Protein backbone atom coordinates (compact mmCIF):
# COMPACT_ATOMS: atom_id res chain seq x y z
CA MET A 1 121.65 32.85 -51.64
CA PRO A 2 117.86 33.00 -51.95
CA GLU A 3 115.67 34.41 -49.04
CA ALA A 4 113.42 31.85 -47.19
CA SER A 5 109.55 32.23 -47.71
CA THR A 6 106.97 32.72 -44.78
CA SER A 7 104.51 29.67 -44.15
CA LEU A 8 100.63 30.44 -43.76
CA ALA A 9 99.59 26.97 -42.44
CA PRO A 10 98.38 26.82 -38.80
CA PRO A 11 100.43 24.96 -36.37
CA PRO A 12 99.52 21.34 -35.70
CA THR A 13 98.28 22.07 -32.16
CA THR A 14 95.64 24.51 -33.44
CA LEU A 15 94.32 21.97 -35.95
CA LEU A 16 94.09 19.31 -33.30
CA ALA A 17 92.16 21.64 -31.03
CA ALA A 18 89.75 22.59 -33.78
CA PHE A 19 89.23 18.96 -34.70
CA ASP A 20 88.55 18.08 -31.07
CA ARG A 21 86.05 20.94 -30.87
CA PHE A 22 84.35 19.76 -34.05
CA SER A 23 84.16 16.24 -32.65
CA ASP A 24 82.57 17.54 -29.44
CA ILE A 25 80.00 19.56 -31.34
CA SER A 26 79.22 16.54 -33.57
CA SER A 27 78.68 14.42 -30.48
CA GLU A 28 76.38 17.03 -28.94
CA LEU A 29 74.45 17.31 -32.19
CA THR A 30 74.16 13.52 -32.35
CA VAL A 31 72.86 13.37 -28.77
CA ALA A 32 70.48 16.30 -29.40
CA TYR A 33 69.22 14.68 -32.58
CA ALA A 34 68.67 11.39 -30.76
CA GLN A 35 66.76 13.25 -28.05
CA LEU A 36 64.78 15.06 -30.71
CA GLU A 37 63.95 11.76 -32.38
CA ARG A 38 62.74 10.38 -29.03
CA ARG A 39 60.63 13.47 -28.42
CA VAL A 40 59.16 13.22 -31.91
CA ALA A 41 58.41 9.55 -31.34
CA GLU A 42 56.75 10.35 -27.98
CA PHE A 43 54.78 13.17 -29.58
CA ASN A 44 53.65 10.83 -32.37
CA ARG A 45 52.59 8.27 -29.80
CA SER A 46 50.72 10.99 -27.87
CA LEU A 47 48.98 12.06 -31.05
CA VAL A 48 48.05 8.46 -31.78
CA ASN A 49 46.75 7.99 -28.21
CA ALA A 50 44.89 11.31 -28.31
CA GLY A 51 43.34 10.39 -31.61
CA GLY A 52 42.33 7.00 -30.20
CA ALA A 53 40.89 8.66 -27.08
CA ARG A 54 38.92 11.11 -29.19
CA ARG A 55 37.65 8.31 -31.37
CA HIS A 56 36.73 6.33 -28.22
CA GLU A 57 35.05 9.39 -26.71
CA ARG A 58 33.16 10.03 -29.94
CA ALA A 59 32.08 6.38 -30.07
CA GLU A 60 30.93 6.57 -26.42
CA LYS A 61 28.97 9.72 -27.14
CA GLU A 62 27.37 8.08 -30.15
CA ARG A 63 26.42 5.03 -28.04
CA LEU A 64 25.05 7.32 -25.30
CA ALA A 65 23.06 9.31 -27.84
CA GLU A 66 21.67 6.06 -29.24
CA ARG A 67 20.67 4.87 -25.79
CA LEU A 68 19.05 8.20 -24.94
CA SER A 69 17.20 8.14 -28.24
CA ARG A 70 15.89 4.63 -27.56
CA LEU A 71 15.00 5.59 -24.00
CA LEU A 72 13.15 8.64 -25.29
CA GLU A 73 11.11 6.47 -27.63
CA ALA A 74 10.43 3.88 -24.94
CA LEU A 75 9.12 6.43 -22.41
CA PRO A 76 5.33 6.35 -21.97
CA ALA A 77 5.46 10.07 -21.21
CA ALA A 78 5.59 12.59 -24.03
CA VAL A 79 8.93 14.43 -24.22
CA ILE A 80 9.39 17.60 -26.32
CA LEU A 81 12.58 19.66 -26.66
CA VAL A 82 12.07 23.28 -27.67
CA ASP A 83 15.12 25.34 -28.67
CA GLY A 84 15.91 28.92 -27.76
CA ARG A 85 13.93 30.20 -30.77
CA GLY A 86 10.77 28.48 -29.53
CA ARG A 87 10.85 25.81 -32.24
CA VAL A 88 10.44 22.06 -31.83
CA ASP A 89 13.89 20.44 -31.87
CA GLN A 90 13.18 16.85 -30.80
CA PHE A 91 10.25 14.73 -29.61
CA ASN A 92 9.27 11.10 -29.10
CA GLN A 93 6.40 8.96 -30.38
CA ALA A 94 4.28 9.59 -27.28
CA ALA A 95 4.45 13.32 -28.01
CA GLN A 96 3.46 12.70 -31.62
CA THR A 97 0.41 10.78 -30.36
CA LEU A 98 -0.72 13.66 -28.13
CA PHE A 99 0.07 16.33 -30.75
CA PRO A 100 -0.55 14.93 -34.25
CA SER A 101 0.59 18.20 -35.90
CA LEU A 102 3.97 18.09 -34.16
CA ASN A 103 6.92 18.39 -36.59
CA TRP A 104 10.57 19.33 -36.37
CA GLY A 105 11.18 23.05 -36.72
CA ARG A 106 7.59 24.13 -36.08
CA ARG A 107 6.89 26.84 -33.56
CA TRP A 108 5.86 25.09 -30.33
CA ARG A 109 3.28 27.71 -29.45
CA GLU A 110 1.47 27.13 -32.74
CA VAL A 111 1.36 23.37 -32.13
CA LEU A 112 0.02 23.94 -28.62
CA VAL A 113 -2.72 26.32 -29.76
CA GLU A 114 -3.87 23.76 -32.35
CA ASN A 115 -4.28 21.02 -29.75
CA LEU A 116 -5.04 22.80 -26.45
CA GLU A 117 -8.64 22.90 -25.19
CA ILE A 118 -8.23 24.28 -21.64
CA GLU A 119 -5.13 25.31 -19.71
CA PHE A 120 -6.08 24.67 -16.06
CA ASP A 121 -2.71 25.97 -14.87
CA GLU A 122 0.93 25.73 -15.85
CA ASP A 123 1.04 22.10 -14.70
CA GLY A 124 -2.21 20.76 -16.17
CA TRP A 125 -3.81 20.92 -19.59
CA LEU A 126 -6.93 19.55 -21.24
CA LEU A 127 -6.23 18.66 -24.87
CA ARG A 128 -8.65 17.92 -27.68
CA ASP A 129 -10.59 14.62 -27.40
CA ALA A 130 -10.83 15.11 -23.59
CA VAL A 131 -7.22 14.14 -22.92
CA HIS A 132 -5.90 15.38 -19.56
CA VAL A 133 -2.14 15.78 -19.24
CA SER A 134 0.19 16.89 -16.47
CA VAL A 135 3.06 19.12 -17.57
CA THR A 136 6.60 19.39 -16.20
CA ARG A 137 8.99 22.01 -17.59
CA ARG A 138 12.77 22.34 -17.24
CA PRO A 139 14.94 25.09 -18.80
CA LEU A 140 17.88 24.25 -21.09
CA GLY A 141 21.22 26.02 -21.39
CA ASP A 142 20.43 27.54 -24.81
CA ARG A 143 17.34 29.31 -23.41
CA GLY A 144 15.22 26.46 -24.66
CA GLN A 145 13.15 24.09 -22.55
CA ILE A 146 12.24 20.44 -22.20
CA LEU A 147 8.62 19.48 -21.57
CA VAL A 148 7.45 16.17 -20.12
CA LEU A 149 3.72 15.48 -20.49
CA VAL A 150 1.97 12.52 -18.83
CA ASP A 151 -1.48 11.38 -19.94
CA GLN A 152 -3.70 11.48 -16.83
CA THR A 153 -7.00 10.68 -18.56
CA GLU A 154 -7.36 7.10 -17.32
CA ARG A 155 -6.25 8.01 -13.81
CA ARG A 156 -8.85 10.77 -13.64
CA LEU A 157 -11.55 8.35 -14.80
CA LEU A 158 -10.50 5.85 -12.15
CA GLU A 159 -10.49 8.56 -9.50
CA GLY A 160 -13.98 9.62 -10.55
CA ARG A 161 -15.23 6.04 -10.32
CA ALA A 162 -13.54 5.59 -6.94
CA GLN A 163 -15.19 8.77 -5.63
CA GLN A 164 -18.55 7.56 -6.91
CA GLN A 165 -18.04 4.18 -5.24
CA GLU A 166 -17.03 5.94 -2.04
CA ARG A 167 -20.19 8.05 -2.13
CA LEU A 168 -22.31 4.96 -2.73
CA SER A 169 -20.53 3.13 0.08
CA SER A 170 -21.08 6.08 2.42
CA LEU A 171 -24.72 6.19 1.40
CA GLY A 172 -25.11 2.47 2.09
CA GLU A 173 -23.38 2.78 5.45
CA MET A 174 -25.53 5.76 6.40
CA ALA A 175 -28.69 3.86 5.41
CA ALA A 176 -27.60 0.91 7.54
CA ARG A 177 -26.83 3.21 10.47
CA LEU A 178 -30.19 4.91 10.12
CA ALA A 179 -31.99 1.58 10.02
CA HIS A 180 -30.12 0.46 13.13
CA GLN A 181 -30.91 3.67 14.98
CA VAL A 182 -34.59 3.57 14.04
CA ARG A 183 -35.06 -0.09 14.95
CA THR A 184 -34.94 0.33 18.73
CA PRO A 185 -37.51 3.14 19.17
CA LEU A 186 -39.64 1.56 16.45
CA ALA A 187 -39.64 -1.77 18.32
CA ALA A 188 -40.76 0.05 21.47
CA ALA A 189 -43.51 1.78 19.48
CA VAL A 190 -44.70 -1.59 18.14
CA LEU A 191 -44.87 -2.99 21.69
CA TYR A 192 -46.95 -0.04 22.89
CA ALA A 193 -49.18 -0.33 19.82
CA ASP A 194 -49.74 -4.02 20.60
CA GLN A 195 -50.74 -3.09 24.14
CA LEU A 196 -53.34 -0.68 22.80
CA THR A 197 -55.07 -3.50 20.88
CA ARG A 198 -55.65 -5.60 24.01
CA ASP A 199 -59.24 -5.77 25.31
CA ASP A 200 -58.21 -5.93 28.97
CA VAL A 201 -56.39 -2.61 28.92
CA SER A 202 -57.97 0.12 31.02
CA ASN A 203 -58.55 3.62 29.76
CA GLU A 204 -55.75 4.90 31.98
CA GLN A 205 -53.35 2.29 30.61
CA ARG A 206 -54.51 2.98 27.08
CA ARG A 207 -53.85 6.70 27.57
CA ARG A 208 -50.39 5.98 29.01
CA PHE A 209 -49.49 3.56 26.22
CA GLY A 210 -50.74 6.02 23.59
CA ALA A 211 -48.61 8.78 25.05
CA LYS A 212 -45.51 6.57 25.04
CA LEU A 213 -46.28 5.43 21.50
CA SER A 214 -46.53 9.05 20.37
CA THR A 215 -43.26 9.89 22.15
CA ARG A 216 -41.40 7.00 20.49
CA LEU A 217 -42.73 7.92 17.05
CA ARG A 218 -41.69 11.56 17.51
CA HIS A 219 -38.28 10.35 18.65
CA THR A 220 -38.01 8.23 15.50
CA GLU A 221 -39.02 11.16 13.31
CA GLN A 222 -36.42 13.44 14.92
CA LEU A 223 -33.80 10.72 14.67
CA VAL A 224 -34.37 10.35 10.94
CA ALA A 225 -34.12 14.12 10.47
CA ASP A 226 -30.87 14.32 12.45
CA MET A 227 -29.31 11.39 10.63
CA LEU A 228 -30.21 12.90 7.26
CA ALA A 229 -28.64 16.17 8.34
CA PHE A 230 -25.55 14.27 9.46
CA ALA A 231 -25.44 12.51 6.07
CA ARG A 232 -25.48 15.89 4.31
CA GLY A 233 -22.52 16.99 6.40
CA ASP A 234 -24.54 19.30 8.67
CA ARG A 235 -23.52 19.43 12.29
CA PHE A 236 -26.11 18.70 14.94
CA ARG A 237 -27.85 21.79 16.21
CA ALA A 238 -26.15 22.64 19.49
CA ASP A 239 -28.32 23.29 22.55
CA ASN A 240 -27.79 23.05 26.29
CA VAL A 241 -28.63 19.43 27.12
CA VAL A 242 -29.11 18.13 30.67
CA LEU A 243 -27.59 14.67 30.81
CA GLN A 244 -29.87 13.48 33.61
CA GLN A 245 -32.81 13.99 31.25
CA VAL A 246 -30.93 12.16 28.47
CA LEU A 247 -30.40 9.17 30.78
CA ARG A 248 -34.08 9.18 31.83
CA ASP A 249 -35.22 9.31 28.18
CA ALA A 250 -32.87 6.45 27.30
CA ALA A 251 -34.12 4.37 30.22
CA ASP A 252 -37.70 4.95 29.13
CA ILE A 253 -36.91 3.86 25.55
CA VAL A 254 -35.19 0.59 26.54
CA ALA A 255 -37.67 -0.25 29.32
CA PRO A 256 -39.75 -2.68 27.18
CA LYS A 257 -36.63 -4.56 26.11
CA PHE A 258 -35.37 -4.79 29.70
CA GLN A 259 -38.77 -6.04 30.86
CA ALA A 260 -38.92 -8.65 28.11
CA THR A 261 -35.52 -10.10 29.05
CA GLY A 262 -35.82 -9.74 32.82
CA ALA A 263 -32.87 -7.31 32.86
CA ARG A 264 -32.56 -4.60 35.52
CA LEU A 265 -31.36 -1.04 35.03
CA LEU A 266 -29.85 0.92 37.92
CA ASN A 267 -29.59 4.60 37.07
CA GLN A 268 -27.15 6.53 39.29
CA THR A 269 -27.09 10.28 38.68
CA LEU A 270 -25.73 13.37 40.43
CA ALA A 271 -28.22 14.31 43.10
CA GLY A 272 -29.46 17.87 42.88
CA THR A 273 -26.98 18.92 40.20
CA ALA A 274 -27.94 19.51 36.57
CA VAL A 275 -25.05 18.40 34.36
CA SER A 276 -25.30 20.26 31.05
CA VAL A 277 -23.40 19.71 27.83
CA LEU A 278 -23.60 21.53 24.50
CA GLY A 279 -25.08 19.22 21.90
CA ASN A 280 -28.16 17.47 20.56
CA ARG A 281 -30.48 15.75 22.99
CA GLU A 282 -31.92 13.20 20.58
CA ALA A 283 -28.48 12.16 19.30
CA LEU A 284 -27.08 11.72 22.81
CA THR A 285 -30.19 9.80 23.89
CA GLY A 286 -29.79 7.49 20.91
CA ALA A 287 -26.13 6.93 21.80
CA VAL A 288 -26.99 5.91 25.38
CA VAL A 289 -29.82 3.69 24.09
CA ASN A 290 -27.40 1.88 21.80
CA VAL A 291 -24.96 1.14 24.63
CA LEU A 292 -27.79 -0.04 26.91
CA THR A 293 -29.21 -2.23 24.14
CA ASN A 294 -25.76 -3.67 23.50
CA ALA A 295 -25.43 -4.49 27.21
CA VAL A 296 -28.75 -6.40 27.24
CA GLU A 297 -28.07 -8.25 23.96
CA HIS A 298 -24.57 -9.33 25.03
CA GLY A 299 -25.25 -9.72 28.73
CA GLY A 300 -28.13 -12.14 28.36
CA GLU A 301 -31.32 -12.47 30.39
CA ARG A 302 -31.54 -10.96 33.89
CA VAL A 303 -28.37 -8.96 33.37
CA GLN A 304 -27.98 -5.92 35.59
CA VAL A 305 -26.88 -2.67 33.95
CA THR A 306 -25.65 0.32 35.94
CA VAL A 307 -25.55 3.85 34.55
CA ALA A 308 -23.48 6.35 36.52
CA LEU A 309 -22.92 10.07 35.92
CA GLU A 310 -19.97 11.99 37.33
CA ALA A 311 -18.65 15.47 36.66
CA ASN A 312 -15.79 17.83 37.51
CA THR A 313 -15.20 21.45 36.58
CA LYS A 314 -14.42 20.73 32.90
CA GLU A 315 -16.07 17.49 31.79
CA CYS A 316 -18.55 14.81 32.72
CA ARG A 317 -18.43 11.05 32.45
CA VAL A 318 -21.24 8.59 31.74
CA LEU A 319 -20.21 5.10 32.82
CA ILE A 320 -22.34 2.13 31.70
CA GLU A 321 -21.46 -1.26 33.23
CA ASP A 322 -23.19 -4.63 33.04
CA THR A 323 -22.84 -7.98 34.77
CA GLY A 324 -22.52 -9.91 31.51
CA PRO A 325 -19.49 -11.81 30.15
CA GLY A 326 -17.71 -8.63 29.06
CA ILE A 327 -15.72 -7.95 25.89
CA ALA A 328 -12.62 -9.97 25.07
CA ALA A 329 -9.37 -8.02 25.06
CA ALA A 330 -8.60 -9.24 21.52
CA ILE A 331 -11.60 -7.42 20.05
CA ARG A 332 -11.82 -4.47 22.44
CA THR A 333 -10.16 -2.14 19.93
CA GLN A 334 -12.49 -3.25 17.11
CA VAL A 335 -15.91 -2.77 18.69
CA PHE A 336 -16.20 0.82 17.45
CA GLU A 337 -15.41 -0.05 13.83
CA PRO A 338 -18.40 0.07 11.44
CA PHE A 339 -19.93 -3.34 10.62
CA PHE A 340 -17.81 -5.22 13.18
CA THR A 341 -20.02 -7.59 15.15
CA THR A 342 -19.77 -10.87 17.03
CA ARG A 343 -23.46 -11.73 16.61
CA PRO A 344 -24.72 -13.52 13.47
CA THR A 345 -27.73 -11.18 13.26
CA GLY A 346 -25.89 -8.02 14.32
CA THR A 347 -25.29 -5.06 12.02
CA GLY A 348 -22.04 -3.96 13.63
CA LEU A 349 -23.18 -0.34 13.62
CA GLY A 350 -24.54 0.27 17.12
CA LEU A 351 -21.27 1.17 18.86
CA ALA A 352 -19.90 2.77 15.68
CA VAL A 353 -22.84 5.18 15.70
CA VAL A 354 -22.27 5.88 19.41
CA ASN A 355 -18.63 6.67 18.75
CA ALA A 356 -19.54 9.00 15.86
CA VAL A 357 -22.08 10.88 18.02
CA ILE A 358 -19.68 11.30 20.95
CA LEU A 359 -16.92 12.53 18.65
CA GLU A 360 -19.37 14.96 17.04
CA HIS A 361 -19.97 16.40 20.52
CA GLY A 362 -16.25 16.86 21.16
CA GLY A 363 -16.02 13.91 23.51
CA ARG A 364 -14.48 10.45 23.56
CA LEU A 365 -15.79 6.92 23.96
CA SER A 366 -13.79 4.03 25.40
CA CYS A 367 -14.23 0.39 26.34
CA HIS A 368 -12.50 -0.89 29.47
CA GLU A 369 -11.63 -4.18 31.05
CA GLY A 370 -13.96 -5.30 33.80
CA PRO A 371 -15.95 -8.25 35.12
CA GLY A 372 -18.61 -7.37 32.54
CA GLY A 373 -19.03 -4.85 29.75
CA ARG A 374 -17.80 -1.37 30.71
CA PHE A 375 -18.17 1.70 28.47
CA GLU A 376 -17.24 5.26 29.29
CA MET A 377 -18.48 8.41 27.54
CA VAL A 378 -16.61 11.62 28.35
CA LEU A 379 -18.13 14.94 27.24
CA PRO A 380 -17.07 18.57 27.79
CA LEU A 381 -19.37 20.56 30.03
CA ALA A 382 -21.36 23.48 28.70
CA ALA A 383 -20.65 25.40 31.93
CA ALA A 384 -19.05 24.82 35.31
CA ASN A 385 -20.91 22.32 37.50
CA GLY A 386 -21.06 21.71 41.19
CA ASP A 387 -19.84 18.75 43.19
CA SER A 388 -19.73 15.15 41.97
CA ARG A 389 -21.80 13.40 44.58
CA ARG A 390 -23.63 10.32 43.41
CA GLY A 391 -27.14 9.33 44.28
CA GLY A 392 -29.13 6.40 42.95
CA ASP A 393 -32.55 5.07 42.13
CA SER A 394 -33.70 1.81 40.58
CA VAL A 395 -35.54 1.68 37.29
C-alpha cells in the first residue's frame, strides 16, 4: 500500500486573511492616492493663483512706474536721481532744461561744475545765464541721492521789484509826512512875514514879529533835518526834554491859527515841577502841534482846547481835549493810520506822524471817547518827578 504525500498549500483561513489584508492595503492606497490627487490639484491651483498674483503685482508695478514717470515729466521742478557711484541715473525734462549737458551715466559732479556759477550754500545755487535755483536733497537706500531743484529766478525778480516799490512808497510817504510837518510852522512864518510888511507896525512889533519869524524858520529847518534822519533810519538824538517847555513852544506855534479861528487854548501844567522825558524836543513839539492843529480843524471856530500835563513816579501823560464834535467810534481805531482822513483837503498824516513820534520815544498814543476830541500821550519819565498837582493859565 503506497505512503500518503505531505501537502505544501496554505490552509484556506490563511489565504483569506492575506486577501483581506491586501484589500485593506489597496483601499488605503486608493484613499491616499485620492488625497494626493486633491493635494496636487490644490497645489496646482495655488501655483496658478500665485502666478496670477505675481502677474497682477507686476502689472501694478508697471502701471505705478508709468505714472511716476509721467509725474516726473509733468513736474515743473527739476528732479535728478544720482546712484551710489555718483552717476546720473534718471532725470526729467525740467532738469535737462537747467543742465543741457545732463545725460544718463554721466558723473553728476562733472555736470554740476559745467553749469554752476555760484554756490551760495547747500540749498541755493546760481547757474549760468543768471538762473537762481533752490536745492533739496534726500538720500536713497543705495547710497545715492535724489535732488529737487526749483527755478527761483522769476520770484527773485518779483521780490526785487516789490522791494523797490516798497522803497519808493516809503519815500513818497516820508515826503508827504515832511510836507505836512513843515506846513504848520511855515504858515506861521508866512503870517509873521506878512505882519512885517505892514506900514502901521511899530518898531517894537516889527522886532517881535521878526524874532518869531526867525524862530519858526529855525524850527522848520530842524524839523526837516530830523525827518531826513528818521527817513534814513537814524533814531532821534536823545536829550532831557522838559515837557512844559514843549507845550509852551507848541502853543506859540499854533497861536496864529487859534487867533485866526477865534479858538482858545487853555494850557494846564504841573505847577513848580519840571517834567522831563528822554527824547527830541523838536519832534515832541511837532507832535503836540499836530494834535492841537487837528483839534482846531475838526472842532471848528471858537473851539476851546485844553492841554493838561500829569505825572507819577514812572511816566507822564499829556491830555489834549477840545469842545468840538469829537471822533466817531467807528473810525477811532483808524485815525492813526497813514493817509486816513475825513477831510477832502486833508493828507491823513498828521496823527500818523504823532503816533510815530510817540512810539519812537517809547510811549503810546490813544484816542478816547468824550464830549469832544480827546487824545492822550503817555511817555516814560527821564527821572523820578515830584507830585502831580495841576495849575493852569490861559493862552
